[in-house]
Amino acid sequence: MARGSLLKDWGFARAGEVTYDKHRAELLDEGLDVITGLWSGQPFSYESRHYKISDMTFLPTPVQRPRVPIWVGGTWPHKRPALRAARWDCHMGYRVYPDGSQSALGPDDIAAVKKLIESERTDSAPFDICVGGYPRPADAGAYRRQLDNASAAGATWWNEYVIGAADGIRERIAGGPPR
């Protein structure tokens, strides 16, 4: 068995994908090197453990410069996903507990992620932290306070999770963003 933890199967194994987190991390790191190299619009070659590309030119290049922003997700308090994100443009994470349960990042988690990323980041370009997944309380004021607390801790983007039956989703969307 490979070293690393076996991920909860979100369909990876059924699609023939790797299920060990350390192996998936290697694939992601190398894949990000590949896509950014291809986005250069110049002849690109790359050889690694998982990928081999010989003199390929990818056109057209992205309009955004220096490239399309890359948001990297991951679990907190594991540091490696946040450190990976620090090399790119955004951390989009969630908290995982020792028993495997999960939750959205709370303000203390957001502040800790921000501190870690700032301590490691060498690029002066803006960096985002995207959070979300909090259940939307019926009390709009309580919801606004959740968002304000996340923002004060360092979150720059909010990702609203809309899960459930179609009618409930339509109702949430029609309600618009929290005000």
Foldseek 3Di string as FASTA:
>chain_A
DDPADFADCPCQVVVVHDGGPVVVVVVVVVVVVVVLQQLVQFQDFDDDPPDTDHRDHDPDHDPDPPHPFDEFEDEPPPCVSLLVRLATAEYEYWYADPVGDTAKDALVRLLVSVVSSVVRHPDPDHHAYEIEDDPQDPDLVVNVVRVVSNVVSGHDHYDYDQDDDPVSSVVVVVVPDRD
